[in-house]
Amino acid sequence: MRFSSLEHLKRLKKSASLLGRYILVLLRCLAIALLVIALARPQSGSKASEVLTEGIDIILCLDTSDSMQALDFKWQNERHNRLEAVKRVVSDFIKGRTNDRIGMVVFGNEAFTQCPLTLDYGVLLNFLDQVEIGMAGNATAVGSALATCVKRLKGRESKSKVVILLTDGRSNAGSITPQSAAEIAKTFSVKTYTIGVGTAGEVPFLVDTLFGKKYIYQQVDLDEDTLKDIAAITGGTYFKATNAKALEEIYAQIDTLEKTTVEVKEYMEYQELFVWFLLPALLCIVLEIVLRNTRFRKIP
């Protein structure tokens, strides 16, 4: 024996290369972690879907005549005019639809397209916000309004073509009668749901006077018989809304009646990723074995 005692060796400083032996532990832990991840079989994939639907074309036809200023609708215990209540309910109706083209026609003395048929409901809602009383005149041209809606829908190859016509008065303007417009709608297979809004009797209006704003009560003449005729001729239904809740229920019922059948086909494609963890794990194991038997070999 060259040394009779190890006391002198114990006083020597440990070599920095001994710290390298921790690399073996790190390699072993890293290999185990990578193997666990590889056994979990990670995957990446893409998902594609194909929507097959026969959409419904819907035109919302809204009366903007002066009579829509009547304050006989309440919302959260506050009085609102008829048009405000209608806009709120129609907005919810639009938000509840999917895959249907929806457009909007407003009418008074004249009828014009406020928004053409579109799938962009955000644009449609913006146009709805811009609807104001009197923007199409002060009278009520029901026949012209329905004819304008039919013009927008004819020639469309859709599963169903629907008009939801809402008014609170009697047709007293326009060059075409409501019954004639209904016959035209029937020819082009345009179903028309008619909604008469307003309470019976005299209703309050807020008007400007010399002494400020004042409530006056006036009679609004709702021609229910004509609305019933339009619905009957076109195969639709007539509804009467005397308050905001009834109006909500009517649009909810129409929403149920005119549902689009949607068929969705989904395609999934996966790519296995475990190999990206398995190969580094094997490399760590091989590297540990090599270092353990060469650079960091222990005797014994």
C-alpha atoms as a PDB file:
ATOM      1  CA  MET A   1       0.000   0.000   0.000  1.00  0.00           C
ATOM      2  CA  ARG A   2       1.346   3.361  -1.003  1.00  0.00           C
ATOM      3  CA  PHE A   3      -0.544   5.191   1.786  1.00  0.00           C
ATOM      4  CA  SER A   4      -0.995   3.723   5.235  1.00  0.00           C
ATOM      5  CA  SER A   5      -3.709   6.232   6.132  1.00  0.00           C
ATOM      6  CA  LEU A   6      -6.491   8.157   4.318  1.00  0.00           C
ATOM      7  CA  GLU A   7      -6.303  11.167   6.627  1.00  0.00           C
ATOM      8  CA  HIS A   8      -4.235  13.141   4.131  1.00  0.00           C
ATOM      9  CA  LEU A   9      -6.674  12.366   1.333  1.00  0.00           C
ATOM     10  CA  LYS A  10      -9.640  13.554   3.386  1.00  0.00           C
ATOM     11  CA  ARG A  11      -8.026  16.974   3.699  1.00  0.00           C
ATOM     12  CA  LEU A  12      -7.927  17.397  -0.051  1.00  0.00           C
ATOM     13  CA  LYS A  13     -10.573  19.582  -1.743  1.00  0.00           C
ATOM     14  CA  LYS A  14     -13.173  17.754  -3.789  1.00  0.00           C
ATOM     15  CA  SER A  15     -12.655  17.992  -7.493  1.00  0.00           C
ATOM     16  CA  ALA A  16     -15.137  20.125  -9.444  1.00  0.00           C
ATOM     17  CA  SER A  17     -15.604  17.218 -11.801  1.00  0.00           C
ATOM     18  CA  LEU A  18     -17.407  15.326  -9.033  1.00  0.00           C
ATOM     19  CA  LEU A  19     -20.289  17.782  -9.321  1.00  0.00           C
ATOM     20  CA  GLY A  20     -20.736  16.540 -12.861  1.00  0.00           C
ATOM     21  CA  ARG A  21     -21.994  13.251 -11.500  1.00  0.00           C
ATOM     22  CA  TYR A  22     -25.332  14.995 -10.796  1.00  0.00           C
ATOM     23  CA  ILE A  23     -25.747  15.109 -14.550  1.00  0.00           C
ATOM     24  CA  LEU A  24     -26.428  11.367 -14.415  1.00  0.00           C
ATOM     25  CA  VAL A  25     -29.326  11.898 -11.976  1.00  0.00           C
ATOM     26  CA  LEU A  26     -30.764  14.703 -14.121  1.00  0.00           C
ATOM     27  CA  LEU A  27     -30.524  12.565 -17.245  1.00  0.00           C
ATOM     28  CA  ARG A  28     -32.322   9.691 -15.498  1.00  0.00           C
ATOM     29  CA  CYS A  29     -35.135  11.968 -14.214  1.00  0.00           C
ATOM     30  CA  LEU A  30     -35.520  13.664 -17.589  1.00  0.00           C
ATOM     31  CA  ALA A  31     -35.708  10.286 -19.346  1.00  0.00           C
ATOM     32  CA  ILE A  32     -38.419   9.063 -16.955  1.00  0.00           C
ATOM     33  CA  ALA A  33     -40.451  12.267 -17.396  1.00  0.00           C
ATOM     34  CA  LEU A  34     -40.246  12.060 -21.187  1.00  0.00           C
ATOM     35  CA  LEU A  35     -41.263   8.391 -21.125  1.00  0.00           C
ATOM     36  CA  VAL A  36     -44.303   9.189 -18.983  1.00  0.00           C
ATOM     37  CA  ILE A  37     -45.375  11.895 -21.449  1.00  0.00           C
ATOM     38  CA  ALA A  38     -44.811   9.529 -24.382  1.00  0.00           C
ATOM     39  CA  LEU A  39     -46.933   6.837 -22.708  1.00  0.00           C
ATOM     40  CA  ALA A  40     -49.734   9.416 -22.326  1.00  0.00           C
ATOM     41  CA  ARG A  41     -49.846   9.399 -26.151  1.00  0.00           C
ATOM     42  CA  PRO A  42     -50.071  13.124 -26.916  1.00  0.00           C
ATOM     43  CA  GLN A  43     -51.780  14.010 -30.188  1.00  0.00           C
ATOM     44  CA  SER A  44     -52.404  17.069 -32.289  1.00  0.00           C
ATOM     45  CA  GLY A  45     -55.273  17.238 -34.696  1.00  0.00           C
ATOM     46  CA  SER A  46     -57.456  19.387 -36.841  1.00  0.00           C
ATOM     47  CA  LYS A  47     -61.215  19.442 -36.784  1.00  0.00           C
ATOM     48  CA  ALA A  48     -63.300  20.358 -39.785  1.00  0.00           C
ATOM     49  CA  SER A  49     -67.055  20.563 -39.969  1.00  0.00           C
ATOM     50  CA  GLU A  50     -69.424  20.767 -42.880  1.00  0.00           C
ATOM     51  CA  VAL A  51     -72.779  22.399 -42.247  1.00  0.00           C
ATOM     52  CA  LEU A  52     -75.577  21.228 -44.515  1.00  0.00           C
ATOM     53  CA  THR A  53     -78.666  23.375 -44.173  1.00  0.00           C
ATOM     54  CA  GLU A  54     -81.578  24.606 -46.209  1.00  0.00           C
ATOM     55  CA  GLY A  55     -81.851  28.128 -44.843  1.00  0.00           C
ATOM     56  CA  ILE A  56     -84.985  30.174 -44.398  1.00  0.00           C
ATOM     57  CA  ASP A  57     -85.277  33.657 -45.885  1.00  0.00           C
ATOM     58  CA  ILE A  58     -87.084  36.040 -43.530  1.00  0.00           C
ATOM     59  CA  ILE A  59     -88.127  39.641 -44.113  1.00  0.00           C
ATOM     60  CA  LEU A  60     -89.047  41.670 -41.029  1.00  0.00           C
ATOM     61  CA  CYS A  61     -91.622  44.250 -42.136  1.00  0.00           C
ATOM     62  CA  LEU A  62     -92.078  47.058 -39.577  1.00  0.00           C
ATOM     63  CA  ASP A  63     -94.611  49.874 -39.444  1.00  0.00           C
ATOM     64  CA  THR A  64     -92.981  53.259 -38.678  1.00  0.00           C
ATOM     65  CA  SER A  65     -96.069  55.464 -39.074  1.00  0.00           C
ATOM     66  CA  ASP A  66     -97.049  58.141 -36.525  1.00  0.00           C
ATOM     67  CA  SER A  67     -99.416  55.820 -34.676  1.00  0.00           C
ATOM     68  CA  MET A  68     -96.416  53.784 -33.480  1.00  0.00           C
ATOM     69  CA  GLN A  69     -95.766  56.656 -31.033  1.00  0.00           C
ATOM     70  CA  ALA A  70     -98.608  55.427 -28.814  1.00  0.00           C
ATOM     71  CA  LEU A  71     -97.356  54.858 -25.261  1.00  0.00           C
ATOM     72  CA  ASP A  72     -99.445  51.810 -24.395  1.00  0.00           C
ATOM     73  CA  PHE A  73     -96.550  49.343 -23.950  1.00  0.00           C
ATOM     74  CA  LYS A  74     -94.711  48.939 -20.666  1.00  0.00           C
ATOM     75  CA  TRP A  75     -91.210  47.601 -20.179  1.00  0.00           C
ATOM     76  CA  GLN A  76     -89.855  47.174 -16.648  1.00  0.00           C
ATOM     77  CA  ASN A  77     -92.723  49.322 -15.330  1.00  0.00           C
ATOM     78  CA  GLU A  78     -91.840  52.191 -17.686  1.00  0.00           C
ATOM     79  CA  ARG A  79     -93.924  53.421 -20.589  1.00  0.00           C
ATOM     80  CA  HIS A  80     -92.465  52.921 -24.057  1.00  0.00           C
ATOM     81  CA  ASN A  81     -93.916  53.657 -27.441  1.00  0.00           C
ATOM     82  CA  ARG A  82     -94.866  50.777 -29.670  1.00  0.00           C
ATOM     83  CA  LEU A  83     -91.857  51.044 -31.963  1.00  0.00           C
ATOM     84  CA  GLU A  84     -89.381  50.915 -29.055  1.00  0.00           C
ATOM     85  CA  ALA A  85     -91.042  47.759 -27.729  1.00  0.00           C
ATOM     86  CA  VAL A  86     -91.073  46.191 -31.195  1.00  0.00           C
ATOM     87  CA  LYS A  87     -87.398  46.956 -31.798  1.00  0.00           C
ATOM     88  CA  ARG A  88     -86.432  45.344 -28.488  1.00  0.00           C
ATOM     89  CA  VAL A  89     -88.365  42.146 -29.228  1.00  0.00           C
ATOM     90  CA  VAL A  90     -87.225  41.964 -32.872  1.00  0.00           C
ATOM     91  CA  SER A  91     -83.616  42.358 -31.731  1.00  0.00           C
ATOM     92  CA  ASP A  92     -83.957  39.274 -29.498  1.00  0.00           C
ATOM     93  CA  PHE A  93     -85.613  37.398 -32.361  1.00  0.00           C
ATOM     94  CA  ILE A  94     -82.671  38.158 -34.689  1.00  0.00           C
ATOM     95  CA  LYS A  95     -80.101  37.096 -32.085  1.00  0.00           C
ATOM     96  CA  GLY A  96     -81.883  33.765 -31.671  1.00  0.00           C
ATOM     97  CA  ARG A  97     -81.663  32.802 -35.364  1.00  0.00           C
ATOM     98  CA  THR A  98     -78.794  30.937 -37.039  1.00  0.00           C
ATOM     99  CA  ASN A  99     -78.049  30.093 -40.677  1.00  0.00           C
ATOM    100  CA  ASP A 100     -81.025  32.112 -41.944  1.00  0.00           C
ATOM    101  CA  ARG A 101     -80.886  35.138 -44.225  1.00  0.00           C
ATOM    102  CA  ILE A 102     -82.852  37.977 -42.644  1.00  0.00           C
ATOM    103  CA  GLY A 103     -83.750  41.336 -44.151  1.00  0.00           C
ATOM    104  CA  MET A 104     -85.833  44.322 -43.098  1.00  0.00           C
ATOM    105  CA  VAL A 105     -88.464  46.511 -44.764  1.00  0.00           C
ATOM    106  CA  VAL A 106     -89.963  49.598 -43.104  1.00  0.00           C
ATOM    107  CA  PHE A 107     -93.090  51.363 -44.255  1.00  0.00           C
ATOM    108  CA  GLY A 108     -95.276  54.423 -43.762  1.00  0.00           C
ATOM    109  CA  ASN A 109     -96.561  56.362 -46.780  1.00  0.00           C
ATOM    110  CA  GLU A 110     -93.961  54.426 -48.759  1.00  0.00           C
ATOM    111  CA  ALA A 111     -92.111  51.156 -48.217  1.00  0.00           C
ATOM    112  CA  PHE A 112     -88.402  50.653 -48.674  1.00  0.00           C
ATOM    113  CA  THR A 113     -85.743  48.105 -47.814  1.00  0.00           C
ATOM    114  CA  GLN A 114     -83.906  49.085 -44.653  1.00  0.00           C
ATOM    115  CA  CYS A 115     -81.568  46.076 -44.909  1.00  0.00           C
ATOM    116  CA  PRO A 116     -81.361  43.446 -47.684  1.00  0.00           C
ATOM    117  CA  LEU A 117     -81.256  39.751 -46.868  1.00  0.00           C
ATOM    118  CA  THR A 118     -78.062  39.004 -44.997  1.00  0.00           C
ATOM    119  CA  LEU A 119     -76.357  36.496 -42.720  1.00  0.00           C
ATOM    120  CA  ASP A 120     -74.483  39.318 -40.969  1.00  0.00           C
ATOM    121  CA  TYR A 121     -76.784  39.825 -38.006  1.00  0.00           C
ATOM    122  CA  GLY A 122     -74.525  42.531 -36.567  1.00  0.00           C
ATOM    123  CA  VAL A 123     -75.180  44.750 -39.586  1.00  0.00           C
ATOM    124  CA  LEU A 124     -78.888  43.955 -39.419  1.00  0.00           C
ATOM    125  CA  LEU A 125     -79.043  44.969 -35.742  1.00  0.00           C
ATOM    126  CA  ASN A 126     -77.304  48.254 -36.562  1.00  0.00           C
ATOM    127  CA  PHE A 127     -79.941  48.983 -39.199  1.00  0.00           C
ATOM    128  CA  LEU A 128     -82.650  48.090 -36.675  1.00  0.00           C
ATOM    129  CA  ASP A 129     -81.249  50.655 -34.226  1.00  0.00           C
ATOM    130  CA  GLN A 130     -81.613  53.325 -36.917  1.00  0.00           C
ATOM    131  CA  VAL A 131     -85.331  52.684 -37.434  1.00  0.00           C
ATOM    132  CA  GLU A 132     -87.337  55.757 -36.357  1.00  0.00           C
ATOM    133  CA  ILE A 133     -90.967  56.807 -36.368  1.00  0.00           C
ATOM    134  CA  GLY A 134     -91.881  58.723 -39.488  1.00  0.00           C
ATOM    135  CA  MET A 135     -88.795  57.740 -41.487  1.00  0.00           C
ATOM    136  CA  ALA A 136     -91.028  56.368 -44.270  1.00  0.00           C
ATOM    137  CA  GLY A 137     -93.915  58.788 -43.827  1.00  0.00           C
ATOM    138  CA  ASN A 138     -96.863  59.146 -41.486  1.00  0.00           C
ATOM    139  CA  ALA A 139     -99.507  56.988 -43.200  1.00  0.00           C
ATOM    140  CA  THR A 140     -99.739  53.180 -43.447  1.00  0.00           C
ATOM    141  CA  ALA A 141     -99.143  51.464 -46.807  1.00  0.00           C
ATOM    142  CA  VAL A 142     -99.552  47.795 -45.886  1.00  0.00           C
ATOM    143  CA  GLY A 143     -99.987  46.606 -49.483  1.00  0.00           C
ATOM    144  CA  SER A 144     -96.865  48.384 -50.726  1.00  0.00           C
ATOM    145  CA  ALA A 145     -94.900  47.027 -47.761  1.00  0.00           C
ATOM    146  CA  LEU A 146     -95.860  43.417 -48.478  1.00  0.00           C
ATOM    147  CA  ALA A 147     -95.186  43.871 -52.200  1.00  0.00           C
ATOM    148  CA  THR A 148     -91.692  45.201 -51.415  1.00  0.00           C
ATOM    149  CA  CYS A 149     -91.022  42.160 -49.241  1.00  0.00           C
ATOM    150  CA  VAL A 150     -92.167  39.799 -52.002  1.00  0.00           C
ATOM    151  CA  LYS A 151     -89.910  41.581 -54.471  1.00  0.00           C
ATOM    152  CA  ARG A 152     -86.950  40.853 -52.181  1.00  0.00           C
ATOM    153  CA  LEU A 153     -87.887  37.178 -51.779  1.00  0.00           C
ATOM    154  CA  LYS A 154     -89.074  36.100 -55.223  1.00  0.00           C
ATOM    155  CA  GLY A 155     -86.587  34.023 -57.156  1.00  0.00           C
ATOM    156  CA  ARG A 156     -84.816  32.885 -53.986  1.00  0.00           C
ATOM    157  CA  GLU A 157     -84.084  29.175 -53.885  1.00  0.00           C
ATOM    158  CA  SER A 158     -84.620  28.599 -50.197  1.00  0.00           C
ATOM    159  CA  LYS A 159     -86.501  26.060 -48.136  1.00  0.00           C
ATOM    160  CA  SER A 160     -88.984  28.651 -46.938  1.00  0.00           C
ATOM    161  CA  LYS A 161     -89.682  32.320 -47.647  1.00  0.00           C
ATOM    162  CA  VAL A 162     -91.306  34.202 -44.799  1.00  0.00           C
ATOM    163  CA  VAL A 163     -92.537  37.733 -44.119  1.00  0.00           C
ATOM    164  CA  ILE A 164     -93.332  38.905 -40.589  1.00  0.00           C
ATOM    165  CA  LEU A 165     -95.483  41.994 -41.097  1.00  0.00           C
ATOM    166  CA  LEU A 166     -96.203  44.160 -38.064  1.00  0.00           C
ATOM    167  CA  THR A 167     -98.537  47.138 -37.998  1.00  0.00           C
ATOM    168  CA  ASP A 168    -100.875  48.976 -35.643  1.00  0.00           C
ATOM    169  CA  GLY A 169    -103.154  50.706 -38.113  1.00  0.00           C
ATOM    170  CA  ARG A 170    -105.285  50.497 -41.213  1.00  0.00           C
ATOM    171  CA  SER A 171    -103.880  50.546 -44.735  1.00  0.00           C
ATOM    172  CA  ASN A 172    -104.565  54.077 -46.024  1.00  0.00           C
ATOM    173  CA  ALA A 173    -101.766  54.688 -48.517  1.00  0.00           C
ATOM    174  CA  GLY A 174     -99.905  53.016 -51.347  1.00  0.00           C
ATOM    175  CA  SER A 175    -100.782  52.025 -54.898  1.00  0.00           C
ATOM    176  CA  ILE A 176    -101.524  48.364 -54.179  1.00  0.00           C
ATOM    177  CA  THR A 177    -104.136  46.880 -51.863  1.00  0.00           C
ATOM    178  CA  PRO A 178    -103.122  44.462 -49.093  1.00  0.00           C
ATOM    179  CA  GLN A 179    -105.242  41.672 -50.611  1.00  0.00           C
ATOM    180  CA  SER A 180    -103.585  42.073 -54.024  1.00  0.00           C
ATOM    181  CA  ALA A 181    -100.155  42.019 -52.420  1.00  0.00           C
ATOM    182  CA  ALA A 182    -101.163  38.863 -50.536  1.00  0.00           C
ATOM    183  CA  GLU A 183    -102.167  37.161 -53.783  1.00  0.00           C
ATOM    184  CA  ILE A 184     -98.773  38.065 -55.267  1.00  0.00           C
ATOM    185  CA  ALA A 185     -97.074  36.660 -52.168  1.00  0.00           C
ATOM    186  CA  LYS A 186     -99.040  33.451 -52.551  1.00  0.00           C
ATOM    187  CA  THR A 187     -97.920  33.171 -56.204  1.00  0.00           C
ATOM    188  CA  PHE A 188     -94.266  33.274 -55.139  1.00  0.00           C
ATOM    189  CA  SER A 189     -94.819  30.942 -52.119  1.00  0.00           C
ATOM    190  CA  VAL A 190     -94.112  33.682 -49.595  1.00  0.00           C
ATOM    191  CA  LYS A 191     -95.755  32.863 -46.262  1.00  0.00           C
ATOM    192  CA  THR A 192     -96.809  35.924 -44.285  1.00  0.00           C
ATOM    193  CA  TYR A 193     -97.260  36.132 -40.538  1.00  0.00           C
ATOM    194  CA  THR A 194     -99.159  39.288 -39.594  1.00  0.00           C
ATOM    195  CA  ILE A 195     -99.016  40.958 -36.187  1.00  0.00           C
ATOM    196  CA  GLY A 196    -101.454  43.627 -35.034  1.00  0.00           C
ATOM    197  CA  VAL A 197    -100.077  45.652 -32.113  1.00  0.00           C
ATOM    198  CA  GLY A 198    -101.829  47.954 -29.687  1.00  0.00           C
ATOM    199  CA  THR A 199    -104.484  47.954 -27.018  1.00  0.00           C
ATOM    200  CA  ALA A 200    -108.169  48.482 -27.730  1.00  0.00           C
ATOM    201  CA  GLY A 201    -109.768  51.884 -27.273  1.00  0.00           C
ATOM    202  CA  GLU A 202    -108.006  55.203 -26.849  1.00  0.00           C
ATOM    203  CA  VAL A 203    -104.272  55.154 -26.230  1.00  0.00           C
ATOM    204  CA  PRO A 204    -101.935  57.844 -24.820  1.00  0.00           C
ATOM    205  CA  PHE A 205     -99.633  59.977 -26.979  1.00  0.00           C
ATOM    206  CA  LEU A 206     -97.035  62.412 -25.665  1.00  0.00           C
ATOM    207  CA  VAL A 207     -97.273  65.673 -27.620  1.00  0.00           C
ATOM    208  CA  ASP A 208     -95.681  69.118 -27.378  1.00  0.00           C
ATOM    209  CA  THR A 209     -98.036  71.965 -26.451  1.00  0.00           C
ATOM    210  CA  LEU A 210     -97.626  75.628 -25.507  1.00  0.00           C
ATOM    211  CA  PHE A 211     -97.505  74.495 -21.890  1.00  0.00           C
ATOM    212  CA  GLY A 212     -94.910  71.761 -22.453  1.00  0.00           C
ATOM    213  CA  LYS A 213     -95.331  68.047 -23.052  1.00  0.00           C
ATOM    214  CA  LYS A 214     -98.771  66.654 -22.435  1.00  0.00           C
ATOM    215  CA  TYR A 215    -100.515  63.299 -22.713  1.00  0.00           C
ATOM    216  CA  ILE A 216    -103.482  63.139 -25.046  1.00  0.00           C
ATOM    217  CA  TYR A 217    -105.640  60.104 -25.789  1.00  0.00           C
ATOM    218  CA  GLN A 218    -106.539  59.119 -29.339  1.00  0.00           C
ATOM    219  CA  GLN A 219    -108.202  56.177 -31.027  1.00  0.00           C
ATOM    220  CA  VAL A 220    -105.973  54.070 -33.293  1.00  0.00           C
ATOM    221  CA  ASP A 221    -107.861  52.044 -35.878  1.00  0.00           C
ATOM    222  CA  LEU A 222    -106.323  48.587 -36.252  1.00  0.00           C
ATOM    223  CA  ASP A 223    -107.680  46.712 -39.273  1.00  0.00           C
ATOM    224  CA  GLU A 224    -107.537  43.163 -37.966  1.00  0.00           C
ATOM    225  CA  ASP A 225    -109.729  41.769 -40.740  1.00  0.00           C
ATOM    226  CA  THR A 226    -107.223  42.771 -43.420  1.00  0.00           C
ATOM    227  CA  LEU A 227    -104.309  41.281 -41.471  1.00  0.00           C
ATOM    228  CA  LYS A 228    -106.253  38.050 -41.041  1.00  0.00           C
ATOM    229  CA  ASP A 229    -106.971  37.967 -44.789  1.00  0.00           C
ATOM    230  CA  ILE A 230    -103.278  38.411 -45.649  1.00  0.00           C
ATOM    231  CA  ALA A 231    -102.294  35.577 -43.322  1.00  0.00           C
ATOM    232  CA  ALA A 232    -105.035  33.272 -44.619  1.00  0.00           C
ATOM    233  CA  ILE A 233    -104.216  33.900 -48.297  1.00  0.00           C
ATOM    234  CA  THR A 234    -100.483  33.259 -47.867  1.00  0.00           C
ATOM    235  CA  GLY A 235    -100.751  30.318 -45.467  1.00  0.00           C
ATOM    236  CA  GLY A 236     -99.507  32.235 -42.450  1.00  0.00           C
ATOM    237  CA  THR A 237    -101.050  33.156 -39.118  1.00  0.00           C
ATOM    238  CA  TYR A 238    -102.423  36.347 -37.590  1.00  0.00           C
ATOM    239  CA  PHE A 239    -101.378  37.392 -34.075  1.00  0.00           C
ATOM    240  CA  LYS A 240    -102.568  40.173 -31.791  1.00  0.00           C
ATOM    241  CA  ALA A 241    -100.170  41.813 -29.320  1.00  0.00           C
ATOM    242  CA  THR A 242    -101.639  44.128 -26.708  1.00  0.00           C
ATOM    243  CA  ASN A 243     -98.542  44.333 -24.507  1.00  0.00           C
ATOM    244  CA  ALA A 244     -94.789  43.709 -24.547  1.00  0.00           C
ATOM    245  CA  LYS A 245     -95.050  40.222 -23.071  1.00  0.00           C
ATOM    246  CA  ALA A 246     -97.558  39.122 -25.705  1.00  0.00           C
ATOM    247  CA  LEU A 247     -95.288  40.519 -28.405  1.00  0.00           C
ATOM    248  CA  GLU A 248     -92.355  38.474 -27.052  1.00  0.00           C
ATOM    249  CA  GLU A 249     -94.470  35.331 -27.034  1.00  0.00           C
ATOM    250  CA  ILE A 250     -95.598  35.908 -30.622  1.00  0.00           C
ATOM    251  CA  TYR A 251     -92.066  36.209 -31.974  1.00  0.00           C
ATOM    252  CA  ALA A 252     -91.022  33.203 -29.886  1.00  0.00           C
ATOM    253  CA  GLN A 253     -93.884  31.198 -31.410  1.00  0.00           C
ATOM    254  CA  ILE A 254     -92.921  32.253 -34.947  1.00  0.00           C
ATOM    255  CA  ASP A 255     -89.327  31.351 -34.142  1.00  0.00           C
ATOM    256  CA  THR A 256     -90.519  27.854 -33.223  1.00  0.00           C
ATOM    257  CA  LEU A 257     -92.690  27.502 -36.317  1.00  0.00           C
ATOM    258  CA  GLU A 258     -89.933  28.535 -38.722  1.00  0.00           C
ATOM    259  CA  LYS A 259     -86.947  26.465 -37.625  1.00  0.00           C
ATOM    260  CA  THR A 260     -84.038  25.582 -39.899  1.00  0.00           C
ATOM    261  CA  THR A 261     -82.910  21.944 -39.928  1.00  0.00           C
ATOM    262  CA  VAL A 262     -79.131  21.861 -39.665  1.00  0.00           C
ATOM    263  CA  GLU A 263     -77.019  18.782 -40.352  1.00  0.00           C
ATOM    264  CA  VAL A 264     -73.388  18.962 -39.294  1.00  0.00           C
ATOM    265  CA  LYS A 265     -70.689  16.542 -40.459  1.00  0.00           C
ATOM    266  CA  GLU A 266     -67.442  16.625 -38.519  1.00  0.00           C
ATOM    267  CA  TYR A 267     -64.061  15.373 -39.709  1.00  0.00           C
ATOM    268  CA  MET A 268     -61.169  14.710 -37.308  1.00  0.00           C
ATOM    269  CA  GLU A 269     -57.541  14.205 -38.290  1.00  0.00           C
ATOM    270  CA  TYR A 270     -54.948  13.338 -35.642  1.00  0.00           C
ATOM    271  CA  GLN A 271     -51.155  13.236 -35.662  1.00  0.00           C
ATOM    272  CA  GLU A 272     -49.270  11.185 -33.042  1.00  0.00           C
ATOM    273  CA  LEU A 273     -46.715  13.231 -31.089  1.00  0.00           C
ATOM    274  CA  PHE A 274     -45.378  10.610 -28.659  1.00  0.00           C
ATOM    275  CA  VAL A 275     -42.313  10.002 -30.855  1.00  0.00           C
ATOM    276  CA  TRP A 276     -41.116  13.563 -30.108  1.00  0.00           C
ATOM    277  CA  PHE A 277     -40.884  12.584 -26.436  1.00  0.00           C
ATOM    278  CA  LEU A 278     -39.798   8.948 -26.820  1.00  0.00           C
ATOM    279  CA  LEU A 279     -36.681   9.641 -28.890  1.00  0.00           C
ATOM    280  CA  PRO A 280     -35.259  12.270 -26.472  1.00  0.00           C
ATOM    281  CA  ALA A 281     -35.991   9.868 -23.578  1.00  0.00           C
ATOM    282  CA  LEU A 282     -33.995   7.087 -25.265  1.00  0.00           C
ATOM    283  CA  LEU A 283     -31.205   9.559 -26.036  1.00  0.00           C
ATOM    284  CA  CYS A 284     -31.036  10.569 -22.352  1.00  0.00           C
ATOM    285  CA  ILE A 285     -30.836   6.900 -21.278  1.00  0.00           C
ATOM    286  CA  VAL A 286     -28.049   6.125 -23.769  1.00  0.00           C
ATOM    287  CA  LEU A 287     -26.134   9.257 -22.762  1.00  0.00           C
ATOM    288  CA  GLU A 288     -26.414   8.350 -19.092  1.00  0.00           C
ATOM    289  CA  ILE A 289     -25.102   4.836 -19.711  1.00  0.00           C
ATOM    290  CA  VAL A 290     -22.144   6.129 -21.721  1.00  0.00           C
ATOM    291  CA  LEU A 291     -21.174   8.780 -19.153  1.00  0.00           C
ATOM    292  CA  ARG A 292     -21.626   6.363 -16.254  1.00  0.00           C
ATOM    293  CA  ASN A 293     -19.177   3.923 -17.813  1.00  0.00           C
ATOM    294  CA  THR A 294     -16.648   6.461 -19.078  1.00  0.00           C
ATOM    295  CA  ARG A 295     -16.194   9.946 -17.668  1.00  0.00           C
ATOM    296  CA  PHE A 296     -18.095   9.338 -14.408  1.00  0.00           C
ATOM    297  CA  ARG A 297     -17.158   5.709 -13.883  1.00  0.00           C
ATOM    298  CA  LYS A 298     -16.810   4.602 -10.216  1.00  0.00           C
ATOM    299  CA  ILE A 299     -14.370   1.987  -8.931  1.00  0.00           C
ATOM    300  CA  PRO A 300     -15.595  -0.201  -7.494  1.00  0.00           C
END
